Structures are given as structure tokens and as C-alpha cells.
Amino acid sequence: MGFFRREPIHKRLGRDLMNAEAGGFLAEPPNVMGKPAFLGEPGFHGVSRPRRWDVITTATAPEVKGNEVKFAALPDGTLIVDEETGEENLGAIADAVEQQLQPPYRAHGVRQTESLWVVSASRIDVARFEAQGDKLELTETDEGKTFLVDGNREFGSVPELEKLGEATGDRYAIEAERLDADLWEVRVAAL
């Protein structure tokens, strides 16, 4: 064989593989009708991602200003607004969510047209207790207990958080974020 080849090696090897006599996995490509591969076609693979939102719906609220709203609805129906432009009532947006999801929940709405909003909401757990800071993290493991207030390690704990964690087992992690005064959004997970 000469120094200068007429056909690149990758093309020749590919042709030889496709024309192989053995009829293996890559012996011939799938046909136009979708002949399944040698190992079959996968129906699904991996683990599905958890849903971020429990409800996605639309609402008509032309009176609400801005392009985005974020709020939490408490069990008694009170709305605590995280982000909004202006002081308009978010009742129309909350009503659209509450047709499918009862409070308490956290919602995020984005304006689509002059009056149409797309709103996504997820269920939350709410607890009432007194504590310092705006964000609490309590973790109980075999090594001991860790309590963070606004990201800083603190000594002590909040008995109400411990009760919530102990209900899930001996090892747990709890995040609590202040909604208003002594109302907290809590997330509890067993470890």
C-alpha cells in the first residue's frame, strides 16, 4: 500500500463494518420503517426528576402590574407577597390556583399577555413558632445535631422543629424559612 491512500481509513473501516459477514450489532443500519436495534429500544431510562410544581394553571388578572409575582398562601387564605410591582390584589391569581390546590402553597406567576398569567404553585407545610433569623436548618444524624440560623452555626435548637423532625425518624434534616412573624415554611426530610 502506498503512502498516499485514495480513501481515508475511517471511511474504509466504516464500510467494512457495515458490510460485515457476521451480521452483528452494527452490521446494517436500521431501516426507514424503524427496525428496532439488536438490543431493543429503551422505553425509559434513569430516574425521573421530581416535580417542582403541583399545579400549573392560567389566570386572568389585567389589574396586576408588572410581569412577575411571587407569593405564599397561608392555611387561612391570607396571601403573603414576596415579589410584586404595585399594590394590586392578587386574589384573581390565587383563586385560579385554589381551584386545583388548597392552601397552604407557594406560587409564582408570570405575565403572558396584557391580562393572562401563567401560575405555578407547590404545596408547602407551615408551622408556627418563635425563633431568631429568617432561615433555619436543623440536622440530626448519628454524629449529633447541627443547628444553623441564617447560615451561621448556633448552639441550642427550636423544640418545635425537633418535634417535626422526630416524627420522621431518628435522623432528619429540616429547613425553615420565615413567612411572616412567627409563621414558617418548613421542609422535613428523613435521612
N, C-alpha and C. Protein backbone atom coordinates (compact mmCIF):
# COMPACT_ATOMS: atom_id res chain seq x y z
N MET A 1 0.84 -1.18 0.00
CA MET A 1 0.00 0.00 0.00
C MET A 1 0.88 1.23 0.00
N GLY A 2 0.53 2.18 -0.82
CA GLY A 2 1.32 3.38 -0.97
C GLY A 2 1.15 4.34 0.21
N PHE A 3 2.01 5.34 0.22
CA PHE A 3 1.99 6.33 1.28
C PHE A 3 0.72 7.17 1.22
N PHE A 4 0.28 7.53 0.00
CA PHE A 4 -0.93 8.32 -0.16
C PHE A 4 -2.10 7.38 -0.43
N ARG A 5 -3.03 7.33 0.46
CA ARG A 5 -4.19 6.47 0.28
C ARG A 5 -5.25 7.22 -0.49
N ARG A 6 -5.99 6.51 -1.29
CA ARG A 6 -7.07 7.14 -2.06
C ARG A 6 -8.32 7.32 -1.20
N GLU A 7 -8.50 6.44 -0.21
CA GLU A 7 -9.70 6.50 0.62
C GLU A 7 -9.25 6.63 2.08
N PRO A 8 -9.84 7.58 2.81
CA PRO A 8 -9.46 7.72 4.23
C PRO A 8 -9.77 6.45 5.01
N ILE A 9 -8.97 6.18 6.00
CA ILE A 9 -9.09 4.93 6.76
C ILE A 9 -10.43 4.84 7.48
N HIS A 10 -10.95 5.97 8.01
CA HIS A 10 -12.21 5.90 8.75
C HIS A 10 -13.38 5.52 7.83
N LYS A 11 -13.30 5.93 6.56
CA LYS A 11 -14.36 5.54 5.62
C LYS A 11 -14.26 4.06 5.27
N ARG A 12 -13.03 3.61 5.05
CA ARG A 12 -12.85 2.20 4.71
C ARG A 12 -13.28 1.28 5.86
N LEU A 13 -12.90 1.63 7.08
CA LEU A 13 -13.28 0.82 8.23
C LEU A 13 -14.79 0.83 8.42
N GLY A 14 -15.41 1.97 8.22
CA GLY A 14 -16.86 2.06 8.34
C GLY A 14 -17.56 1.19 7.31
N ARG A 15 -17.07 1.23 6.06
CA ARG A 15 -17.65 0.40 5.01
C ARG A 15 -17.47 -1.08 5.32
N ASP A 16 -16.30 -1.44 5.78
CA ASP A 16 -16.05 -2.84 6.12
C ASP A 16 -16.95 -3.30 7.26
N LEU A 17 -17.17 -2.45 8.23
CA LEU A 17 -18.02 -2.80 9.35
C LEU A 17 -19.47 -2.98 8.91
N MET A 18 -19.96 -2.10 8.04
CA MET A 18 -21.33 -2.18 7.58
C MET A 18 -21.55 -3.38 6.66
N ASN A 19 -20.51 -3.84 5.99
CA ASN A 19 -20.63 -4.98 5.09
C ASN A 19 -20.14 -6.28 5.73
N ALA A 20 -20.04 -6.29 7.03
CA ALA A 20 -19.50 -7.46 7.73
C ALA A 20 -20.38 -8.68 7.47
N GLU A 21 -19.72 -9.82 7.35
CA GLU A 21 -20.42 -11.07 7.08
C GLU A 21 -21.13 -11.59 8.33
N ALA A 22 -20.64 -11.23 9.52
CA ALA A 22 -21.14 -11.83 10.75
C ALA A 22 -22.56 -11.39 11.10
N GLY A 23 -23.02 -10.26 10.62
CA GLY A 23 -24.36 -9.79 10.93
C GLY A 23 -24.52 -9.35 12.37
N GLY A 24 -23.50 -8.77 12.95
CA GLY A 24 -23.55 -8.34 14.36
C GLY A 24 -24.37 -7.08 14.57
N PHE A 25 -24.18 -6.48 15.72
CA PHE A 25 -24.96 -5.33 16.16
C PHE A 25 -24.95 -4.19 15.15
N LEU A 26 -23.78 -3.90 14.57
CA LEU A 26 -23.68 -2.79 13.63
C LEU A 26 -23.58 -3.25 12.18
N ALA A 27 -23.95 -4.46 11.88
CA ALA A 27 -23.79 -4.98 10.53
C ALA A 27 -24.63 -4.22 9.53
N GLU A 28 -25.81 -3.78 9.89
CA GLU A 28 -26.61 -2.97 8.97
C GLU A 28 -27.39 -1.94 9.77
N PRO A 29 -27.54 -0.75 9.22
CA PRO A 29 -28.26 0.30 9.96
C PRO A 29 -29.75 -0.01 10.02
N PRO A 30 -30.49 0.60 10.95
CA PRO A 30 -31.93 0.41 11.00
C PRO A 30 -32.56 0.91 9.71
N ASN A 31 -33.62 0.25 9.28
CA ASN A 31 -34.26 0.67 8.03
C ASN A 31 -35.18 1.87 8.27
N VAL A 32 -35.78 2.35 7.19
CA VAL A 32 -36.64 3.54 7.25
C VAL A 32 -37.88 3.28 8.10
N MET A 33 -38.34 2.04 8.15
CA MET A 33 -39.54 1.70 8.92
C MET A 33 -39.24 1.58 10.41
N GLY A 34 -38.03 1.83 10.80
CA GLY A 34 -37.68 1.82 12.21
C GLY A 34 -37.43 0.45 12.78
N LYS A 35 -36.77 -0.40 12.00
CA LYS A 35 -36.42 -1.73 12.50
C LYS A 35 -35.70 -1.55 13.83
N PRO A 36 -36.16 -2.21 14.88
CA PRO A 36 -35.54 -1.99 16.19
C PRO A 36 -34.10 -2.46 16.22
N ALA A 37 -33.35 -1.84 17.09
CA ALA A 37 -31.95 -2.20 17.26
C ALA A 37 -31.85 -3.59 17.88
N PHE A 38 -30.67 -4.16 17.79
CA PHE A 38 -30.41 -5.52 18.27
C PHE A 38 -30.82 -5.70 19.74
N LEU A 39 -30.52 -4.71 20.56
CA LEU A 39 -30.83 -4.80 21.99
C LEU A 39 -32.22 -4.28 22.32
N GLY A 40 -32.99 -3.89 21.33
CA GLY A 40 -34.32 -3.33 21.59
C GLY A 40 -34.24 -1.84 21.84
N GLU A 41 -35.39 -1.20 21.82
CA GLU A 41 -35.43 0.23 22.06
C GLU A 41 -35.79 0.48 23.51
N PRO A 42 -35.10 1.40 24.15
CA PRO A 42 -35.40 1.65 25.56
C PRO A 42 -36.75 2.36 25.70
N GLY A 43 -37.56 1.89 26.67
CA GLY A 43 -38.83 2.55 26.94
C GLY A 43 -38.60 3.78 27.80
N PHE A 44 -37.75 3.66 28.79
CA PHE A 44 -37.35 4.77 29.63
C PHE A 44 -36.03 4.39 30.28
N HIS A 45 -35.36 5.36 30.81
CA HIS A 45 -34.11 5.08 31.49
C HIS A 45 -33.89 6.13 32.56
N GLY A 46 -33.15 5.78 33.55
CA GLY A 46 -32.85 6.70 34.63
C GLY A 46 -34.03 6.89 35.57
N VAL A 47 -33.86 7.83 36.46
CA VAL A 47 -34.88 8.15 37.45
C VAL A 47 -35.49 9.48 37.06
N SER A 48 -36.80 9.56 37.07
CA SER A 48 -37.44 10.81 36.68
C SER A 48 -37.17 11.88 37.73
N ARG A 49 -37.12 13.11 37.28
CA ARG A 49 -36.91 14.22 38.19
C ARG A 49 -38.18 14.48 38.99
N PRO A 50 -38.05 14.88 40.23
CA PRO A 50 -39.25 15.19 40.99
C PRO A 50 -39.92 16.44 40.43
N ARG A 51 -41.24 16.47 40.51
CA ARG A 51 -41.96 17.64 40.01
C ARG A 51 -41.68 18.83 40.92
N ARG A 52 -41.44 19.95 40.32
CA ARG A 52 -41.22 21.15 41.11
C ARG A 52 -42.55 21.77 41.50
N TRP A 53 -43.54 21.67 40.62
CA TRP A 53 -44.83 22.31 40.84
C TRP A 53 -45.93 21.27 40.93
N ASP A 54 -46.88 21.49 41.83
CA ASP A 54 -48.05 20.62 41.94
C ASP A 54 -49.14 21.05 40.98
N VAL A 55 -49.20 22.35 40.67
CA VAL A 55 -50.24 22.89 39.79
C VAL A 55 -49.61 23.91 38.86
N ILE A 56 -50.00 23.85 37.59
CA ILE A 56 -49.67 24.90 36.63
C ILE A 56 -50.98 25.26 35.96
N THR A 57 -51.36 26.53 36.04
CA THR A 57 -52.65 26.97 35.52
C THR A 57 -52.53 28.38 34.96
N THR A 58 -53.61 28.87 34.39
CA THR A 58 -53.64 30.25 33.89
C THR A 58 -54.66 31.04 34.69
N ALA A 59 -54.46 32.35 34.71
CA ALA A 59 -55.38 33.24 35.41
C ALA A 59 -55.51 34.52 34.61
N THR A 60 -56.69 35.13 34.68
CA THR A 60 -56.92 36.42 34.05
C THR A 60 -56.88 37.48 35.13
N ALA A 61 -55.90 38.37 35.07
CA ALA A 61 -55.73 39.42 36.08
C ALA A 61 -55.11 40.65 35.43
N PRO A 62 -55.89 41.42 34.64
CA PRO A 62 -55.32 42.59 33.97
C PRO A 62 -54.92 43.70 34.93
N GLU A 63 -55.51 43.72 36.14
CA GLU A 63 -55.24 44.80 37.09
C GLU A 63 -53.89 44.67 37.79
N VAL A 64 -53.27 43.50 37.74
CA VAL A 64 -51.99 43.29 38.41
C VAL A 64 -50.88 43.87 37.54
N LYS A 65 -50.05 44.70 38.15
CA LYS A 65 -48.95 45.36 37.43
C LYS A 65 -47.71 44.47 37.42
N GLY A 66 -46.79 44.81 36.55
CA GLY A 66 -45.53 44.07 36.48
C GLY A 66 -45.66 42.83 35.62
N ASN A 67 -44.57 42.07 35.56
CA ASN A 67 -44.52 40.87 34.73
C ASN A 67 -44.36 39.59 35.54
N GLU A 68 -44.18 39.72 36.86
CA GLU A 68 -43.93 38.54 37.67
C GLU A 68 -44.43 38.79 39.09
N VAL A 69 -45.02 37.76 39.69
CA VAL A 69 -45.44 37.82 41.09
C VAL A 69 -45.03 36.53 41.79
N LYS A 70 -44.68 36.66 43.05
CA LYS A 70 -44.37 35.50 43.88
C LYS A 70 -45.07 35.72 45.22
N PHE A 71 -45.80 34.70 45.67
CA PHE A 71 -46.50 34.83 46.94
C PHE A 71 -46.73 33.47 47.57
N ALA A 72 -47.07 33.51 48.85
CA ALA A 72 -47.42 32.29 49.58
C ALA A 72 -48.82 32.48 50.13
N ALA A 73 -49.61 31.43 50.08
CA ALA A 73 -50.96 31.44 50.65
C ALA A 73 -50.94 30.61 51.92
N LEU A 74 -51.43 31.20 53.01
CA LEU A 74 -51.47 30.52 54.29
C LEU A 74 -52.73 29.67 54.41
N PRO A 75 -52.80 28.78 55.39
CA PRO A 75 -53.98 27.93 55.54
C PRO A 75 -55.29 28.70 55.68
N ASP A 76 -55.25 29.90 56.27
CA ASP A 76 -56.48 30.69 56.43
C ASP A 76 -56.83 31.51 55.18
N GLY A 77 -56.03 31.39 54.12
CA GLY A 77 -56.31 32.11 52.88
C GLY A 77 -55.56 33.42 52.73
N THR A 78 -54.85 33.86 53.77
CA THR A 78 -54.07 35.09 53.71
C THR A 78 -52.92 34.92 52.73
N LEU A 79 -52.68 35.97 51.93
CA LEU A 79 -51.58 35.94 50.96
C LEU A 79 -50.41 36.75 51.49
N ILE A 80 -49.24 36.19 51.45
CA ILE A 80 -48.01 36.90 51.81
C ILE A 80 -47.22 37.07 50.53
N VAL A 81 -47.07 38.32 50.11
CA VAL A 81 -46.45 38.63 48.82
C VAL A 81 -44.94 38.74 48.99
N ASP A 82 -44.21 37.96 48.19
CA ASP A 82 -42.74 38.03 48.17
C ASP A 82 -42.26 39.04 47.15
N GLU A 83 -42.89 39.04 45.97
CA GLU A 83 -42.44 39.89 44.87
C GLU A 83 -43.64 40.33 44.05
N GLU A 84 -43.80 41.65 43.91
CA GLU A 84 -44.90 42.20 43.13
C GLU A 84 -44.58 43.65 42.82
N THR A 85 -45.06 44.13 41.68
CA THR A 85 -44.95 45.54 41.33
C THR A 85 -46.31 46.17 41.59
N GLY A 86 -46.36 47.16 42.47
CA GLY A 86 -47.64 47.80 42.77
C GLY A 86 -48.32 47.15 43.96
N GLU A 87 -49.52 47.62 44.26
CA GLU A 87 -50.26 47.14 45.43
C GLU A 87 -51.58 46.49 45.04
N GLU A 88 -51.70 45.95 43.85
CA GLU A 88 -52.95 45.37 43.39
C GLU A 88 -53.25 44.07 44.11
N ASN A 89 -54.51 43.71 44.16
CA ASN A 89 -54.96 42.48 44.80
C ASN A 89 -54.62 41.28 43.91
N LEU A 90 -54.00 40.29 44.49
CA LEU A 90 -53.63 39.08 43.76
C LEU A 90 -54.71 38.00 43.87
N GLY A 91 -55.90 38.39 44.30
CA GLY A 91 -56.98 37.44 44.52
C GLY A 91 -57.34 36.62 43.29
N ALA A 92 -57.36 37.24 42.11
CA ALA A 92 -57.73 36.50 40.89
C ALA A 92 -56.71 35.41 40.58
N ILE A 93 -55.44 35.70 40.81
CA ILE A 93 -54.40 34.70 40.56
C ILE A 93 -54.50 33.58 41.60
N ALA A 94 -54.71 33.96 42.87
CA ALA A 94 -54.84 32.96 43.93
C ALA A 94 -56.08 32.09 43.72
N ASP A 95 -57.18 32.69 43.27
CA ASP A 95 -58.41 31.92 43.02
C ASP A 95 -58.20 30.86 41.94
N ALA A 96 -57.43 31.21 40.91
CA ALA A 96 -57.17 30.24 39.84
C ALA A 96 -56.38 29.05 40.37
N VAL A 97 -55.42 29.32 41.25
CA VAL A 97 -54.64 28.22 41.83
C VAL A 97 -55.52 27.38 42.75
N GLU A 98 -56.36 28.04 43.55
CA GLU A 98 -57.15 27.33 44.56
C GLU A 98 -58.28 26.50 43.98
N GLN A 99 -58.51 26.61 42.69
CA GLN A 99 -59.46 25.68 42.06
C GLN A 99 -58.87 24.27 42.00
N GLN A 100 -57.53 24.18 42.07
CA GLN A 100 -56.87 22.88 41.97
C GLN A 100 -56.03 22.52 43.19
N LEU A 101 -55.66 23.51 44.00
CA LEU A 101 -54.76 23.27 45.13
C LEU A 101 -55.19 24.14 46.30
N GLN A 102 -55.49 23.52 47.42
CA GLN A 102 -55.91 24.25 48.61
C GLN A 102 -54.69 24.78 49.36
N PRO A 103 -54.82 25.94 50.03
CA PRO A 103 -53.71 26.46 50.82
C PRO A 103 -53.34 25.49 51.94
N PRO A 104 -52.11 25.53 52.39
CA PRO A 104 -51.04 26.47 52.08
C PRO A 104 -50.25 26.06 50.84
N TYR A 105 -49.78 27.05 50.11
CA TYR A 105 -48.97 26.80 48.92
C TYR A 105 -48.11 28.02 48.63
N ARG A 106 -47.09 27.82 47.81
CA ARG A 106 -46.24 28.92 47.30
C ARG A 106 -46.47 28.99 45.81
N ALA A 107 -46.66 30.21 45.28
CA ALA A 107 -46.99 30.38 43.86
C ALA A 107 -46.04 31.36 43.19
N HIS A 108 -45.88 31.15 41.89
CA HIS A 108 -45.05 32.02 41.05
C HIS A 108 -45.82 32.27 39.76
N GLY A 109 -46.14 33.52 39.49
CA GLY A 109 -46.90 33.86 38.29
C GLY A 109 -46.08 34.72 37.34
N VAL A 110 -46.26 34.47 36.04
CA VAL A 110 -45.55 35.22 35.01
C VAL A 110 -46.58 35.68 33.98
N ARG A 111 -46.54 36.99 33.67
CA ARG A 111 -47.47 37.55 32.69
C ARG A 111 -47.15 37.03 31.30
N GLN A 112 -48.21 36.62 30.56
CA GLN A 112 -48.07 36.15 29.19
C GLN A 112 -48.59 37.18 28.19
N THR A 113 -49.73 37.80 28.50
CA THR A 113 -50.31 38.85 27.68
C THR A 113 -50.73 39.98 28.61
N GLU A 114 -51.46 40.94 28.09
CA GLU A 114 -51.91 42.08 28.90
C GLU A 114 -52.71 41.63 30.12
N SER A 115 -53.48 40.57 29.98
CA SER A 115 -54.32 40.14 31.11
C SER A 115 -54.11 38.68 31.53
N LEU A 116 -53.39 37.89 30.74
CA LEU A 116 -53.24 36.46 31.03
C LEU A 116 -51.94 36.18 31.78
N TRP A 117 -52.07 35.40 32.84
CA TRP A 117 -50.92 34.99 33.65
C TRP A 117 -50.82 33.46 33.66
N VAL A 118 -49.61 32.94 33.64
CA VAL A 118 -49.38 31.52 33.89
C VAL A 118 -48.86 31.44 35.32
N VAL A 119 -49.51 30.59 36.11
CA VAL A 119 -49.19 30.50 37.53
C VAL A 119 -48.84 29.05 37.87
N SER A 120 -47.72 28.88 38.54
CA SER A 120 -47.33 27.56 39.02
C SER A 120 -47.30 27.63 40.55
N ALA A 121 -47.76 26.56 41.18
CA ALA A 121 -47.82 26.55 42.64
C ALA A 121 -47.43 25.18 43.17
N SER A 122 -46.83 25.19 44.35
CA SER A 122 -46.48 23.93 45.00
C SER A 122 -46.93 23.97 46.46
N ARG A 123 -47.35 22.82 46.92
CA ARG A 123 -47.83 22.67 48.29
C ARG A 123 -46.68 22.92 49.26
N ILE A 124 -46.96 23.55 50.39
CA ILE A 124 -45.96 23.77 51.42
C ILE A 124 -46.53 23.36 52.77
N ASP A 125 -45.65 23.18 53.74
CA ASP A 125 -46.05 22.94 55.12
C ASP A 125 -45.72 24.19 55.91
N VAL A 126 -46.64 24.59 56.77
CA VAL A 126 -46.47 25.80 57.56
C VAL A 126 -46.51 25.43 59.04
N ALA A 127 -45.61 26.03 59.82
CA ALA A 127 -45.58 25.83 61.27
C ALA A 127 -45.49 27.19 61.95
N ARG A 128 -45.99 27.25 63.19
CA ARG A 128 -45.96 28.50 63.95
C ARG A 128 -45.06 28.29 65.17
N PHE A 129 -43.99 29.09 65.26
CA PHE A 129 -43.10 29.05 66.42
C PHE A 129 -42.25 30.32 66.42
N GLU A 130 -41.68 30.62 67.58
CA GLU A 130 -40.80 31.78 67.74
C GLU A 130 -39.36 31.35 67.53
N ALA A 131 -38.61 32.13 66.77
CA ALA A 131 -37.19 31.86 66.57
C ALA A 131 -36.53 33.10 65.99
N GLN A 132 -35.22 33.18 66.16
CA GLN A 132 -34.44 34.27 65.59
C GLN A 132 -34.09 33.95 64.15
N GLY A 133 -33.77 34.97 63.36
CA GLY A 133 -33.32 34.78 61.98
C GLY A 133 -34.47 34.60 61.01
N ASP A 134 -34.10 34.43 59.72
CA ASP A 134 -35.08 34.25 58.66
C ASP A 134 -35.02 32.87 58.02
N LYS A 135 -33.89 32.17 58.20
CA LYS A 135 -33.76 30.83 57.63
C LYS A 135 -33.08 29.93 58.66
N LEU A 136 -33.74 28.81 58.97
CA LEU A 136 -33.22 27.87 59.95
C LEU A 136 -32.96 26.53 59.28
N GLU A 137 -31.91 25.85 59.74
CA GLU A 137 -31.60 24.50 59.27
C GLU A 137 -31.23 23.67 60.49
N LEU A 138 -31.95 22.56 60.68
CA LEU A 138 -31.68 21.66 61.79
C LEU A 138 -31.46 20.27 61.21
N THR A 139 -30.31 19.67 61.56
CA THR A 139 -29.97 18.34 61.07
C THR A 139 -29.62 17.45 62.25
N GLU A 140 -30.23 16.28 62.30
CA GLU A 140 -29.93 15.28 63.34
C GLU A 140 -29.42 14.04 62.63
N THR A 141 -28.17 13.65 62.93
CA THR A 141 -27.57 12.45 62.36
C THR A 141 -26.97 11.61 63.48
N ASP A 142 -26.31 10.52 63.12
CA ASP A 142 -25.65 9.68 64.12
C ASP A 142 -24.52 10.43 64.82
N GLU A 143 -23.94 11.42 64.14
CA GLU A 143 -22.84 12.19 64.71
C GLU A 143 -23.31 13.29 65.66
N GLY A 144 -24.59 13.63 65.63
CA GLY A 144 -25.09 14.68 66.51
C GLY A 144 -26.03 15.62 65.79
N LYS A 145 -26.25 16.75 66.44
CA LYS A 145 -27.21 17.73 65.95
C LYS A 145 -26.48 18.98 65.47
N THR A 146 -26.93 19.54 64.34
CA THR A 146 -26.38 20.78 63.81
C THR A 146 -27.54 21.75 63.60
N PHE A 147 -27.37 22.97 64.13
CA PHE A 147 -28.42 23.98 64.02
C PHE A 147 -27.82 25.25 63.41
N LEU A 148 -28.35 25.67 62.26
CA LEU A 148 -27.88 26.88 61.59
C LEU A 148 -28.99 27.92 61.56
N VAL A 149 -28.61 29.17 61.86
CA VAL A 149 -29.54 30.30 61.76
C VAL A 149 -28.93 31.26 60.75
N ASP A 150 -29.61 31.46 59.64
CA ASP A 150 -29.13 32.32 58.55
C ASP A 150 -27.71 31.93 58.11
N GLY A 151 -27.44 30.62 58.09
CA GLY A 151 -26.17 30.11 57.62
C GLY A 151 -25.08 30.03 58.67
N ASN A 152 -25.32 30.55 59.88
CA ASN A 152 -24.33 30.53 60.95
C ASN A 152 -24.69 29.47 61.99
N ARG A 153 -23.68 28.70 62.39
CA ARG A 153 -23.93 27.64 63.38
C ARG A 153 -24.25 28.27 64.74
N GLU A 154 -25.29 27.74 65.37
CA GLU A 154 -25.73 28.24 66.67
C GLU A 154 -25.83 27.07 67.64
N PHE A 155 -25.73 27.39 68.92
CA PHE A 155 -25.96 26.38 69.95
C PHE A 155 -27.44 26.40 70.30
N GLY A 156 -27.95 25.27 70.73
CA GLY A 156 -29.36 25.19 71.07
C GLY A 156 -30.16 24.69 69.88
N SER A 157 -31.47 24.92 69.95
CA SER A 157 -32.35 24.44 68.90
C SER A 157 -33.72 25.09 69.08
N VAL A 158 -34.66 24.67 68.26
CA VAL A 158 -36.05 25.11 68.37
C VAL A 158 -36.87 23.84 68.64
N PRO A 159 -37.48 23.72 69.82
CA PRO A 159 -38.21 22.49 70.16
C PRO A 159 -39.28 22.10 69.14
N GLU A 160 -39.95 23.07 68.56
CA GLU A 160 -40.99 22.76 67.57
C GLU A 160 -40.40 22.08 66.34
N LEU A 161 -39.20 22.53 65.91
CA LEU A 161 -38.53 21.90 64.77
C LEU A 161 -38.10 20.48 65.12
N GLU A 162 -37.61 20.29 66.34
CA GLU A 162 -37.19 18.95 66.75
C GLU A 162 -38.37 17.99 66.74
N LYS A 163 -39.54 18.44 67.18
CA LYS A 163 -40.73 17.58 67.17
C LYS A 163 -41.11 17.19 65.75
N LEU A 164 -41.02 18.15 64.82
CA LEU A 164 -41.33 17.84 63.42
C LEU A 164 -40.36 16.81 62.86
N GLY A 165 -39.08 16.96 63.19
CA GLY A 165 -38.07 16.03 62.70
C GLY A 165 -38.20 14.65 63.32
N GLU A 166 -38.44 14.59 64.62
CA GLU A 166 -38.55 13.31 65.30
C GLU A 166 -39.75 12.50 64.80
N ALA A 167 -40.75 13.17 64.26
CA ALA A 167 -41.91 12.46 63.71
C ALA A 167 -41.52 11.65 62.47
N THR A 168 -40.40 12.01 61.81
CA THR A 168 -39.96 11.27 60.62
C THR A 168 -38.96 10.17 60.94
N GLY A 169 -38.35 10.22 62.13
CA GLY A 169 -37.37 9.20 62.50
C GLY A 169 -36.25 9.78 63.33
N ASP A 170 -35.22 8.95 63.55
CA ASP A 170 -34.09 9.36 64.39
C ASP A 170 -33.15 10.32 63.67
N ARG A 171 -33.06 10.19 62.36
CA ARG A 171 -32.17 11.05 61.58
C ARG A 171 -33.01 11.86 60.61
N TYR A 172 -32.79 13.17 60.59
CA TYR A 172 -33.64 14.04 59.76
C TYR A 172 -32.92 15.34 59.44
N ALA A 173 -33.45 16.04 58.46
CA ALA A 173 -32.99 17.38 58.10
C ALA A 173 -34.22 18.25 57.93
N ILE A 174 -34.17 19.46 58.48
CA ILE A 174 -35.29 20.38 58.41
C ILE A 174 -34.78 21.73 57.94
N GLU A 175 -35.49 22.32 56.99
CA GLU A 175 -35.25 23.70 56.58
C GLU A 175 -36.50 24.48 56.90
N ALA A 176 -36.35 25.65 57.49
CA ALA A 176 -37.49 26.51 57.79
C ALA A 176 -37.17 27.91 57.30
N GLU A 177 -38.11 28.51 56.60
CA GLU A 177 -37.94 29.86 56.07
C GLU A 177 -39.10 30.72 56.56
N ARG A 178 -38.77 31.86 57.14
CA ARG A 178 -39.80 32.73 57.73
C ARG A 178 -40.73 33.27 56.64
N LEU A 179 -42.03 33.10 56.87
CA LEU A 179 -43.03 33.70 56.00
C LEU A 179 -43.44 35.06 56.54
N ASP A 180 -43.78 35.09 57.85
CA ASP A 180 -44.23 36.33 58.48
C ASP A 180 -44.24 36.13 59.98
N ALA A 181 -43.62 37.02 60.73
CA ALA A 181 -43.60 36.99 62.20
C ALA A 181 -43.26 35.58 62.70
N ASP A 182 -44.23 34.86 63.27
CA ASP A 182 -43.96 33.53 63.81
C ASP A 182 -44.44 32.41 62.89
N LEU A 183 -44.71 32.70 61.63
CA LEU A 183 -45.12 31.69 60.64
C LEU A 183 -43.92 31.30 59.78
N TRP A 184 -43.71 29.99 59.63
CA TRP A 184 -42.56 29.48 58.91
C TRP A 184 -42.98 28.44 57.89
N GLU A 185 -42.35 28.47 56.73
CA GLU A 185 -42.48 27.38 55.75
C GLU A 185 -41.42 26.35 56.11
N VAL A 186 -41.84 25.11 56.32
CA VAL A 186 -40.89 24.08 56.75
C VAL A 186 -40.85 22.93 55.74
N ARG A 187 -39.64 22.38 55.57
CA ARG A 187 -39.42 21.20 54.73
C ARG A 187 -38.67 20.18 55.59
N VAL A 188 -39.27 19.02 55.77
CA VAL A 188 -38.70 17.98 56.62
C VAL A 188 -38.37 16.77 55.76
N ALA A 189 -37.18 16.21 55.95
CA ALA A 189 -36.78 15.02 55.20
C ALA A 189 -36.09 14.04 56.15
N ALA A 190 -36.47 12.79 56.06
CA ALA A 190 -35.79 11.75 56.83
C ALA A 190 -34.47 11.41 56.13
N LEU A 191 -33.44 11.15 56.91
CA LEU A 191 -32.13 10.80 56.34
C LEU A 191 -31.88 9.32 56.46
